[in-house]
Amino acid sequence: MNDHKSARGRVLVVEDEPYVRDSLVEILSARRFEATPAGSVAEALEHLGRVPVDVVLSDLRMPGADGLELVRRMQVSAPDVPVVILTGHGNVASAVECLKAGASDYILKPAEPEALEVSLERALESRALKREVRYLRSTVADETEEVLGESEAWKRVESMVEAAAPTDSVVLLTGESGTGKELLARRLHALSPRGAGPFVKVNCAAVPLEMWESEFFGHRKGSFPGAAADREGRFQLAEHGTLLLDEVAAMPAAGQAKLLRVIQDGEFERLGDEQATRADVRVLASTNSDLEVEVKEGRFRADLFYLLNVVRIDVPPLRERTGDTPLLARHFVAQAARRLGRPAPELTPPTLERLAAYHWPGNVRELRNVVERVMILDPTHGLDDLDLASSAGMAAPPAEGTPMAERELNLREALNKLERELLLEAHRRSGGVRKDAARLLGIDPRNLSYYMRKHHLDADAAEE
C-alpha cells in the first residue's frame, strides 16, 4: 500500500542534552527513520502513552530517572517496544545491566551513524519477528497445500497470479467456497517482494461487530472497558507483509468505511492513539459472494468495491477444471498417507473416472476431505468402493436420466438452493451440534454462522 521509500520506523530519541538530541534526530531522519525527540524519561513515557513508537533510542545517564529506569518502566507499559541504550566508555557495566533489564542493544558514545542505523534496524527486525511469532502462536495455522492444476482454466489463474504477484496492487479473489482462494493468496504473497514478511489472514465473517476496530487496528491499554493491555491489530501484525481479507463481503458497513480509508490513505488509527499509524501492508481480498450484486443491493460500498477490484482473479470451481480432479486426488491420497503413516493406495482408472464425473459442490476442499475420511475409516478398500454422495455428506447430483427441462438452469439460484439444502442436511446429521455440522460441510466452524445467517436459518428453522 505504501511506497517502500516511506519511513523505516518510528524512533523516539530520549536525550537530555538539546544539541545531542537534535543531532541524533537529524542523523536518523537523513536515514529515513521518523525520529521524535524527548528530553527526559518522564516526557518519553508520556509520549509512549499517546503515540505509536517502533523503537526507543535513549541516553543512559540523565538527570533524575535514567535510561535503566526507562527500560524497567517500559517492560511494564510497553514491553513490545525495543530500547537501544547510548552510553559513554565508562558505563559499559551499566549498559549490560540495561540489557539484563530488557534493552535490546547498547551503543558507545560518540555514536557512529552507521552503528546507530544497524542497531535500530536490528531492533525493528526483532520486533517484527516477535510480533509474527506471537500472531502465529495465537492462531491455528492452516496446513499449506501445493497449488495444483493442469487444466486450461487453472493455467489462466496461475498466469494472473504470476503477473500480479510482483506488484503491490490490491487483488480480489472470487469464487465458490473450497476452490483454493486462500492458497492462491499465499502464493501471491510468496512470489511478491514482501514474501519474507508476514502473511496475515482475517476472516471478516467471524469478527464480532463490537470488536471490529480492535481486531483490525488494535488498541491501547485502557482505551475501552476491558482493554487491560495494548493489542496490535491485524494491520500492524501484517506490517511489511500481506493482509488477506477473507469473506470481505461479510464486513459491516462501518468497517467498510474504515477499510476504505486505510487503502486510500495508507494509514489507520488504533483505538486510544492520538495520531494515525501508517500501514505498509499489501491488501488481498477474497469472497464467495458476487460483490457487484452486493453493491447493487446496498450491502457493500461501491467505492470500496472499485478499490478492491484492481486485479480480479475468478477462481473456477472444480467441476470446470476438466482433468484436474485425478491429479488432485492422487496428491491428497499421498498427503493423507504420509500424515497417517500408511502406504498410499493406488487409484484405479474406474475410481479416477468416478471422481472426475462427480460434481464436487464443495470443490477442492471437499475432495481433500473425502479422500482423508475414506483413508481413515476404510483403509483396506481405499477409494475403490467409494460412495461419493454418502462419503461426501452431500446431496447427490441430478440423476443422468433427469430431463434437462426439469433441471434448474439458473446457476446462482441452483447453487444457493443446494447450499441451503446442505446446511439443513448437515444440521440434521450432526444433531444440531454446529462443530460437527461444520466438519461435515468441510468448512471452518466460524464460517457456519455466516452461512446460516445468509440463508436465514436459525436453530428452529433448521429443524423444519
Protein backbone atom coordinates (compact mmCIF):
# COMPACT_ATOMS: atom_id res chain seq x y z
CA MET A 1 0.00 0.00 0.00
CA ASN A 2 2.73 2.45 0.94
CA ASP A 3 5.77 3.26 -1.12
CA HIS A 4 8.80 1.33 0.09
CA LYS A 5 10.64 4.67 0.32
CA SER A 6 8.48 5.63 3.31
CA ALA A 7 9.90 5.86 6.84
CA ARG A 8 11.67 2.72 8.04
CA GLY A 9 10.33 3.05 11.56
CA ARG A 10 9.23 5.47 14.28
CA VAL A 11 12.11 6.20 16.69
CA LEU A 12 11.73 8.08 19.97
CA VAL A 13 15.07 9.77 20.83
CA VAL A 14 15.45 10.32 24.59
CA GLU A 15 18.37 12.64 25.41
CA ASP A 16 18.62 15.49 27.92
CA GLU A 17 21.31 17.46 26.00
CA PRO A 18 19.49 19.52 23.33
CA TYR A 19 22.45 19.63 20.93
CA VAL A 20 22.99 15.86 21.05
CA ARG A 21 19.27 15.19 20.83
CA ASP A 22 18.85 17.42 17.76
CA SER A 23 21.90 15.85 16.11
CA LEU A 24 20.53 12.34 16.61
CA VAL A 25 17.15 13.33 15.18
CA GLU A 26 18.86 14.86 12.15
CA ILE A 27 21.05 11.79 11.58
CA LEU A 28 18.14 9.38 11.83
CA SER A 29 15.87 11.50 9.65
CA ALA A 30 18.53 11.52 6.94
CA ARG A 31 18.40 7.71 7.04
CA ARG A 32 14.61 7.65 6.60
CA PHE A 33 13.66 7.00 10.21
CA GLU A 34 10.78 9.02 11.64
CA ALA A 35 12.58 10.46 14.68
CA THR A 36 10.81 12.27 17.54
CA PRO A 37 12.75 13.96 20.40
CA ALA A 38 12.09 13.65 24.14
CA GLY A 39 14.13 15.47 26.80
CA SER A 40 13.54 13.15 29.75
CA VAL A 41 12.24 9.76 30.83
CA ALA A 42 9.00 11.36 32.01
CA GLU A 43 8.49 13.03 28.63
CA ALA A 44 9.29 9.78 26.85
CA LEU A 45 6.76 7.78 28.88
CA GLU A 46 4.11 10.42 28.30
CA HIS A 47 4.77 10.27 24.55
CA LEU A 48 4.65 6.45 24.53
CA GLY A 49 1.22 6.61 26.16
CA ARG A 50 -0.14 8.74 23.32
CA VAL A 51 1.66 7.88 20.09
CA PRO A 52 2.75 4.58 18.49
CA VAL A 53 6.54 4.05 18.58
CA ASP A 54 8.57 1.24 16.97
CA VAL A 55 11.86 1.65 18.86
CA VAL A 56 13.35 3.91 21.56
CA LEU A 57 16.92 5.28 21.43
CA SER A 58 17.83 6.53 24.90
CA ASP A 59 20.83 8.01 26.64
CA LEU A 60 21.83 6.08 29.76
CA ARG A 61 22.90 8.94 32.04
CA MET A 62 20.25 11.65 32.51
CA PRO A 63 19.21 13.82 35.46
CA GLY A 64 16.52 12.19 37.57
CA ALA A 65 15.28 8.93 36.04
CA ASP A 66 17.91 7.41 33.75
CA GLY A 67 17.89 5.01 30.79
CA LEU A 68 17.84 1.95 33.05
CA GLU A 69 14.71 3.25 34.74
CA LEU A 70 13.14 3.85 31.33
CA VAL A 71 13.86 0.25 30.29
CA ARG A 72 12.30 -1.08 33.52
CA ARG A 73 9.22 1.12 33.17
CA MET A 74 8.75 0.14 29.53
CA GLN A 75 8.89 -3.57 30.41
CA VAL A 76 5.58 -2.91 32.17
CA SER A 77 3.92 -0.25 30.00
CA ALA A 78 5.29 -1.03 26.50
CA PRO A 79 7.06 -4.43 26.54
CA ASP A 80 6.84 -4.81 22.75
CA VAL A 81 8.87 -1.66 22.04
CA PRO A 82 12.65 -2.32 21.95
CA VAL A 83 15.07 0.10 23.63
CA VAL A 84 18.59 0.85 22.38
CA ILE A 85 20.84 2.45 25.02
CA LEU A 86 23.51 5.10 24.34
CA THR A 87 26.38 5.09 26.83
CA GLY A 88 29.83 6.60 27.38
CA HIS A 89 33.01 4.48 27.53
CA GLY A 90 32.93 4.31 31.32
CA ASN A 91 29.38 2.97 31.56
CA VAL A 92 29.55 -0.38 29.78
CA ALA A 93 28.71 -2.24 33.00
CA SER A 94 25.57 -0.12 33.39
CA ALA A 95 24.65 -0.79 29.77
CA VAL A 96 24.95 -4.52 30.39
CA GLU A 97 22.63 -4.06 33.35
CA CYS A 98 20.17 -2.42 30.94
CA LEU A 99 20.40 -5.46 28.66
CA LYS A 100 19.56 -7.73 31.58
CA ALA A 101 16.60 -5.47 32.37
CA GLY A 102 15.26 -5.84 28.82
CA ALA A 103 17.09 -3.40 26.50
CA SER A 104 17.73 -4.77 23.01
CA ASP A 105 21.19 -3.27 22.45
CA TYR A 106 23.64 -0.58 23.56
CA ILE A 107 25.91 1.75 21.57
CA LEU A 108 29.03 3.52 22.83
CA LYS A 109 29.34 7.30 22.53
CA PRO A 110 30.26 9.05 20.34
CA ALA A 111 27.84 7.05 18.18
CA GLU A 112 28.72 6.47 14.55
CA PRO A 113 25.71 6.99 12.24
CA GLU A 114 26.27 3.56 10.67
CA ALA A 115 26.28 1.89 14.11
CA LEU A 116 23.04 3.66 15.01
CA GLU A 117 21.43 2.55 11.76
CA VAL A 118 22.46 -1.09 12.17
CA SER A 119 21.33 -1.29 15.80
CA LEU A 120 17.95 0.30 15.14
CA GLU A 121 17.36 -1.88 12.07
CA ARG A 122 18.19 -4.97 14.13
CA ALA A 123 15.77 -3.87 16.84
CA LEU A 124 12.99 -3.31 14.28
CA GLU A 125 13.57 -6.72 12.71
CA SER A 126 13.49 -8.40 16.12
CA ARG A 127 10.23 -6.63 16.98
CA ALA A 128 8.65 -7.69 13.68
CA LEU A 129 9.75 -11.29 14.21
CA LYS A 130 8.36 -11.41 17.76
CA ARG A 131 5.10 -9.90 16.54
CA GLU A 132 4.75 -12.50 13.80
CA VAL A 133 5.61 -15.38 16.16
CA ARG A 134 3.02 -14.16 18.64
CA TYR A 135 0.42 -13.97 15.91
CA LEU A 136 1.21 -17.45 14.63
CA ARG A 137 1.03 -18.87 18.13
CA SER A 138 -2.34 -17.22 18.69
CA THR A 139 -3.89 -18.95 15.69
CA VAL A 140 -4.12 -22.46 14.38
CA ALA A 141 -2.26 -22.22 11.12
CA ASP A 142 -3.89 -23.89 8.15
CA GLU A 143 -1.85 -26.65 6.58
CA THR A 144 -0.21 -25.22 3.50
CA GLU A 145 -1.13 -27.04 0.32
CA GLU A 146 0.55 -27.11 -3.02
CA VAL A 147 -1.45 -25.28 -5.67
CA LEU A 148 -2.03 -27.92 -8.34
CA GLY A 149 -3.72 -27.97 -11.71
CA GLU A 150 -3.08 -28.73 -15.39
CA SER A 151 -6.36 -27.58 -16.93
CA GLU A 152 -6.53 -24.52 -19.15
CA ALA A 153 -8.86 -22.85 -16.64
CA TRP A 154 -6.30 -23.30 -13.86
CA LYS A 155 -3.38 -22.22 -16.05
CA ARG A 156 -5.17 -18.93 -16.70
CA VAL A 157 -5.49 -18.39 -12.95
CA GLU A 158 -1.82 -19.19 -12.36
CA SER A 159 -0.82 -16.81 -15.14
CA MET A 160 -2.76 -13.96 -13.50
CA VAL A 161 -1.25 -14.77 -10.09
CA GLU A 162 2.28 -14.68 -11.50
CA ALA A 163 1.59 -11.36 -13.25
CA ALA A 164 0.07 -9.71 -10.16
CA ALA A 165 2.44 -11.12 -7.50
CA PRO A 166 5.45 -8.79 -8.07
CA THR A 167 3.26 -5.69 -7.71
CA ASP A 168 1.75 -4.06 -4.63
CA SER A 169 -1.71 -3.84 -6.21
CA VAL A 170 -4.84 -5.00 -4.42
CA VAL A 171 -6.04 -8.38 -5.70
CA LEU A 172 -9.62 -9.59 -5.37
CA LEU A 173 -10.02 -13.39 -5.44
CA THR A 174 -13.56 -14.53 -6.19
CA GLY A 175 -15.07 -17.99 -6.42
CA GLU A 176 -17.05 -20.62 -4.58
CA SER A 177 -16.00 -21.90 -1.17
CA GLY A 178 -13.29 -24.54 -1.29
CA THR A 179 -11.79 -23.54 -4.64
CA GLY A 180 -8.38 -22.59 -3.20
CA LYS A 181 -8.60 -18.80 -2.88
CA GLU A 182 -6.51 -18.72 0.29
CA LEU A 183 -3.81 -20.91 -1.26
CA LEU A 184 -3.63 -18.53 -4.21
CA ALA A 185 -3.40 -15.58 -1.80
CA ARG A 186 -0.46 -17.27 -0.07
CA ARG A 187 1.17 -17.81 -3.45
CA LEU A 188 0.67 -14.14 -4.34
CA HIS A 189 2.44 -13.26 -1.09
CA ALA A 190 5.25 -15.79 -1.51
CA LEU A 191 6.07 -14.58 -5.03
CA SER A 192 5.98 -10.89 -4.06
CA PRO A 193 8.78 -8.63 -2.77
CA ARG A 194 7.01 -8.93 0.60
CA GLY A 195 7.43 -12.71 0.67
CA ALA A 196 9.85 -12.58 3.61
CA GLY A 197 7.32 -10.59 5.64
CA PRO A 198 4.25 -11.87 7.47
CA PHE A 199 1.13 -13.25 5.79
CA VAL A 200 -1.89 -12.49 7.97
CA LYS A 201 -5.42 -13.69 7.30
CA VAL A 202 -8.56 -12.34 8.92
CA ASN A 203 -12.00 -13.88 8.44
CA CYS A 204 -14.29 -10.87 8.12
CA ALA A 205 -17.36 -13.03 8.75
CA ALA A 206 -16.03 -14.18 12.14
CA VAL A 207 -15.21 -10.79 13.70
CA PRO A 208 -17.93 -9.51 16.07
CA LEU A 209 -19.09 -6.00 15.18
CA GLU A 210 -18.19 -4.61 18.62
CA MET A 211 -14.60 -5.91 18.27
CA TRP A 212 -14.08 -4.90 14.65
CA GLU A 213 -11.83 -1.87 15.16
CA SER A 214 -9.74 -3.56 17.83
CA GLU A 215 -9.30 -6.69 15.71
CA PHE A 216 -8.20 -4.81 12.61
CA PHE A 217 -6.41 -1.76 14.05
CA GLY A 218 -5.56 -2.73 17.65
CA HIS A 219 -5.99 -0.67 20.81
CA ARG A 220 -4.13 0.99 23.64
CA LYS A 221 -4.47 -0.17 27.21
CA GLY A 222 -7.47 1.49 28.85
CA SER A 223 -8.97 2.74 25.58
CA PHE A 224 -12.26 0.99 26.43
CA PRO A 225 -13.60 -1.11 29.32
CA GLY A 226 -11.80 -4.45 29.34
CA ALA A 227 -8.73 -3.23 27.42
CA ALA A 228 -6.26 -4.43 30.06
CA ALA A 229 -3.22 -4.30 27.77
CA ASP A 230 -2.06 -2.92 24.45
CA ARG A 231 -3.07 -5.01 21.46
CA GLU A 232 -1.79 -4.91 17.92
CA GLY A 233 -4.39 -5.27 15.18
CA ARG A 234 -4.11 -7.30 12.01
CA PHE A 235 -2.77 -4.35 10.02
CA GLN A 236 0.12 -3.96 12.46
CA LEU A 237 0.78 -7.70 12.50
CA ALA A 238 0.96 -7.66 8.70
CA GLU A 239 3.38 -4.72 8.54
CA HIS A 240 5.80 -5.08 5.58
CA GLY A 241 3.77 -8.13 4.55
CA THR A 242 0.36 -9.11 3.22
CA LEU A 243 -3.11 -8.99 4.78
CA LEU A 244 -5.82 -11.26 3.36
CA LEU A 245 -9.38 -10.07 3.99
CA ASP A 246 -11.24 -13.36 3.71
CA GLU A 247 -15.02 -13.23 3.13
CA VAL A 248 -14.76 -9.47 2.65
CA ALA A 249 -18.43 -9.26 1.62
CA ALA A 250 -19.40 -10.00 5.22
CA MET A 251 -17.69 -6.86 6.52
CA PRO A 252 -20.08 -4.47 8.35
CA ALA A 253 -20.85 -1.08 6.82
CA ALA A 254 -18.85 0.83 9.44
CA GLY A 255 -15.87 -1.43 8.85
CA GLN A 256 -16.10 -0.91 5.09
CA ALA A 257 -15.77 2.85 5.56
CA LYS A 258 -12.67 2.48 7.74
CA LEU A 259 -11.08 -0.06 5.40
CA LEU A 260 -11.68 2.34 2.52
CA ARG A 261 -9.62 4.99 4.32
CA VAL A 262 -6.75 2.60 5.05
CA ILE A 263 -6.47 1.56 1.41
CA GLN A 264 -6.84 5.14 0.12
CA ASP A 265 -4.63 6.97 2.63
CA GLY A 266 -2.32 4.18 3.78
CA GLU A 267 -2.92 4.86 7.48
CA PHE A 268 -5.25 3.90 10.32
CA GLU A 269 -5.97 4.95 13.89
CA ARG A 270 -5.53 2.48 16.72
CA LEU A 271 -8.14 2.86 19.48
CA GLY A 272 -6.69 5.16 22.13
CA ASP A 273 -3.99 6.68 19.88
CA GLU A 274 -3.96 10.38 19.09
CA GLN A 275 -2.03 10.02 15.86
CA ALA A 276 -2.57 7.85 12.82
CA THR A 277 -0.29 4.90 12.08
CA ARG A 278 0.98 4.25 8.58
CA ALA A 279 0.08 0.88 7.08
CA ASP A 280 2.86 -0.60 4.99
CA VAL A 281 0.70 -3.57 4.05
CA ARG A 282 -0.43 -5.16 0.80
CA VAL A 283 -4.14 -5.95 0.87
CA LEU A 284 -5.69 -9.01 -0.76
CA ALA A 285 -9.40 -9.81 -0.53
CA SER A 286 -11.42 -12.93 -1.18
CA THR A 287 -15.12 -13.69 -1.34
CA ASN A 288 -17.59 -16.33 -2.48
CA SER A 289 -20.24 -13.64 -3.00
CA ASP A 290 -20.87 -11.57 -6.11
CA LEU A 291 -19.72 -8.14 -4.92
CA GLU A 292 -21.36 -6.39 -7.86
CA VAL A 293 -24.71 -7.78 -6.72
CA GLU A 294 -23.89 -6.81 -3.12
CA VAL A 295 -23.20 -3.26 -4.32
CA LYS A 296 -26.46 -3.06 -6.31
CA GLU A 297 -28.44 -4.26 -3.30
CA GLY A 298 -26.75 -1.74 -0.99
CA ARG A 299 -24.87 -4.19 1.21
CA PHE A 300 -21.40 -3.26 0.00
CA ARG A 301 -19.88 0.15 -0.72
CA ALA A 302 -19.35 0.85 -4.41
CA ASP A 303 -16.19 2.93 -3.76
CA LEU A 304 -14.64 0.11 -1.71
CA PHE A 305 -15.51 -2.42 -4.41
CA TYR A 306 -13.71 -0.31 -7.02
CA LEU A 307 -10.64 -0.09 -4.76
CA LEU A 308 -10.59 -3.85 -4.20
CA ASN A 309 -11.31 -4.71 -7.82
CA VAL A 310 -7.92 -3.59 -9.20
CA VAL A 311 -6.82 -7.08 -10.20
CA ARG A 312 -9.67 -9.58 -10.12
CA ILE A 313 -8.98 -13.29 -10.29
CA ASP A 314 -12.04 -15.52 -10.68
CA VAL A 315 -11.13 -18.95 -9.31
CA PRO A 316 -13.08 -21.66 -11.19
CA PRO A 317 -14.95 -24.42 -9.35
CA LEU A 318 -13.51 -27.90 -9.57
CA ARG A 319 -16.28 -29.06 -11.93
CA GLU A 320 -14.99 -26.55 -14.51
CA ARG A 321 -11.36 -27.63 -14.16
CA THR A 322 -11.57 -30.55 -16.58
CA GLY A 323 -8.80 -33.04 -15.93
CA ASP A 324 -7.59 -31.63 -12.58
CA THR A 325 -9.58 -33.95 -10.31
CA PRO A 326 -7.38 -37.07 -10.82
CA LEU A 327 -4.21 -35.03 -10.27
CA LEU A 328 -5.58 -33.51 -7.07
CA ALA A 329 -6.93 -36.87 -5.85
CA ARG A 330 -3.50 -38.51 -6.21
CA HIS A 331 -1.92 -35.57 -4.39
CA PHE A 332 -4.39 -35.77 -1.49
CA VAL A 333 -4.03 -39.55 -1.24
CA ALA A 334 -0.23 -39.24 -0.98
CA GLN A 335 -0.57 -36.40 1.50
CA ALA A 336 -3.02 -38.29 3.73
CA ALA A 337 -0.87 -41.43 3.56
CA ARG A 338 2.17 -39.51 4.81
CA ARG A 339 0.16 -37.96 7.61
CA LEU A 340 -1.36 -41.31 8.66
CA GLY A 341 1.90 -43.24 8.27
CA ARG A 342 0.42 -45.66 5.73
CA PRO A 343 1.27 -46.69 2.17
CA ALA A 344 -0.58 -44.66 -0.43
CA PRO A 345 -3.21 -46.84 -2.19
CA GLU A 346 -3.24 -46.87 -5.96
CA LEU A 347 -6.18 -45.13 -7.56
CA THR A 348 -7.62 -47.36 -10.28
CA PRO A 349 -8.89 -45.93 -13.61
CA PRO A 350 -12.57 -46.62 -12.70
CA THR A 351 -12.12 -44.78 -9.39
CA LEU A 352 -10.50 -41.81 -11.11
CA GLU A 353 -13.32 -41.74 -13.65
CA ARG A 354 -15.95 -41.62 -10.91
CA LEU A 355 -14.04 -38.88 -9.08
CA ALA A 356 -13.80 -36.86 -12.29
CA ALA A 357 -17.52 -37.34 -13.06
CA TYR A 358 -18.72 -36.17 -9.61
CA HIS A 359 -19.89 -32.54 -9.43
CA TRP A 360 -17.97 -31.64 -6.18
CA PRO A 361 -20.19 -28.89 -4.72
CA GLY A 362 -17.55 -28.38 -2.01
CA ASN A 363 -14.81 -28.14 -4.64
CA VAL A 364 -11.15 -28.94 -3.84
CA ARG A 365 -11.74 -28.80 -0.08
CA GLU A 366 -14.47 -31.46 -0.38
CA LEU A 367 -12.24 -33.71 -2.48
CA ARG A 368 -9.45 -33.48 0.09
CA ASN A 369 -11.81 -34.20 2.99
CA VAL A 370 -13.42 -37.16 1.20
CA VAL A 371 -10.03 -38.72 0.47
CA GLU A 372 -8.83 -38.31 4.02
CA ARG A 373 -12.09 -39.57 5.53
CA VAL A 374 -12.07 -42.73 3.43
CA MET A 375 -8.42 -43.46 4.17
CA ILE A 376 -9.12 -43.18 7.90
CA LEU A 377 -12.39 -45.14 8.03
CA ASP A 378 -11.85 -47.72 5.29
CA PRO A 379 -8.09 -48.06 4.67
CA THR A 380 -8.45 -51.62 3.30
CA HIS A 381 -10.56 -50.75 0.28
CA GLY A 382 -9.22 -47.26 -0.23
CA LEU A 383 -11.41 -45.38 -2.68
CA ASP A 384 -12.40 -48.36 -4.84
CA ASP A 385 -15.84 -48.83 -3.24
CA LEU A 386 -16.40 -45.16 -2.59
CA ASP A 387 -19.99 -43.97 -2.50
CA LEU A 388 -19.39 -40.31 -3.25
CA ALA A 389 -22.79 -38.99 -2.24
CA SER A 390 -22.70 -40.58 1.22
CA SER A 391 -18.95 -40.20 1.79
CA ALA A 392 -19.03 -36.52 1.00
CA GLY A 393 -22.06 -35.92 3.20
CA MET A 394 -23.54 -34.12 0.23
CA ALA A 395 -26.67 -34.30 -1.79
CA ALA A 396 -26.24 -36.35 -4.95
CA PRO A 397 -26.28 -34.56 -8.31
CA PRO A 398 -29.34 -34.88 -10.54
CA ALA A 399 -29.68 -38.33 -11.99
CA GLU A 400 -28.37 -38.65 -15.51
CA GLY A 401 -31.83 -39.61 -16.70
CA THR A 402 -33.47 -36.42 -15.43
CA PRO A 403 -34.73 -34.42 -18.43
CA MET A 404 -32.86 -31.16 -18.89
CA ALA A 405 -36.18 -29.29 -18.97
CA GLU A 406 -36.80 -30.39 -15.37
CA ARG A 407 -33.44 -29.20 -14.06
CA GLU A 408 -32.65 -25.80 -12.54
CA LEU A 409 -30.75 -23.77 -15.13
CA ASN A 410 -30.25 -20.55 -13.13
CA LEU A 411 -26.78 -21.28 -11.79
CA ARG A 412 -26.87 -18.78 -8.92
CA GLU A 413 -30.30 -19.92 -7.71
CA ALA A 414 -29.34 -23.57 -8.07
CA LEU A 415 -26.16 -23.11 -6.07
CA ASN A 416 -27.96 -21.14 -3.37
CA LYS A 417 -30.61 -23.83 -3.16
CA LEU A 418 -28.00 -26.57 -2.92
CA GLU A 419 -26.07 -24.60 -0.29
CA ARG A 420 -29.21 -24.26 1.84
CA GLU A 421 -30.05 -27.95 1.49
CA LEU A 422 -26.55 -28.92 2.55
CA LEU A 423 -26.78 -26.71 5.63
CA LEU A 424 -30.07 -28.33 6.62
CA GLU A 425 -28.76 -31.85 6.00
CA ALA A 426 -25.56 -31.18 7.95
CA HIS A 427 -27.64 -29.82 10.82
CA ARG A 428 -29.79 -32.94 10.77
CA ARG A 429 -26.88 -35.38 10.65
CA SER A 430 -24.96 -33.57 13.38
CA GLY A 431 -27.95 -33.44 15.71
CA GLY A 432 -27.67 -29.67 15.85
CA VAL A 433 -24.03 -29.67 17.02
CA ARG A 434 -22.53 -26.84 14.99
CA LYS A 435 -18.93 -28.01 15.26
CA ASP A 436 -19.91 -31.39 13.81
CA ALA A 437 -22.06 -29.76 11.14
CA ALA A 438 -19.13 -27.60 10.05
CA ARG A 439 -16.91 -30.69 9.89
CA LEU A 440 -19.41 -32.47 7.66
CA LEU A 441 -19.54 -29.46 5.37
CA GLY A 442 -15.76 -29.14 5.26
CA ILE A 443 -15.77 -25.53 6.48
CA ASP A 444 -14.40 -23.68 9.49
CA PRO A 445 -16.92 -23.68 12.39
CA ARG A 446 -16.65 -19.88 12.48
CA ASN A 447 -17.95 -19.70 8.92
CA LEU A 448 -21.04 -21.77 9.67
CA SER A 449 -22.78 -18.87 11.44
CA TYR A 450 -22.21 -16.71 8.37
CA TYR A 451 -23.83 -19.27 6.06
CA MET A 452 -26.73 -19.79 8.48
CA ARG A 453 -27.38 -16.05 8.51
CA LYS A 454 -27.01 -15.86 4.75
CA HIS A 455 -29.85 -18.37 4.30
CA HIS A 456 -31.90 -17.01 7.22
CA LEU A 457 -31.58 -20.25 9.17
CA ASP A 458 -31.65 -20.48 12.93
CA ALA A 459 -31.83 -23.49 15.21
CA ASP A 460 -35.62 -23.76 14.86
CA ALA A 461 -35.73 -23.19 11.12
CA ALA A 462 -33.00 -25.76 10.57
CA GLU A 463 -35.26 -28.42 12.07
CA GLU A 464 -38.11 -27.76 9.67
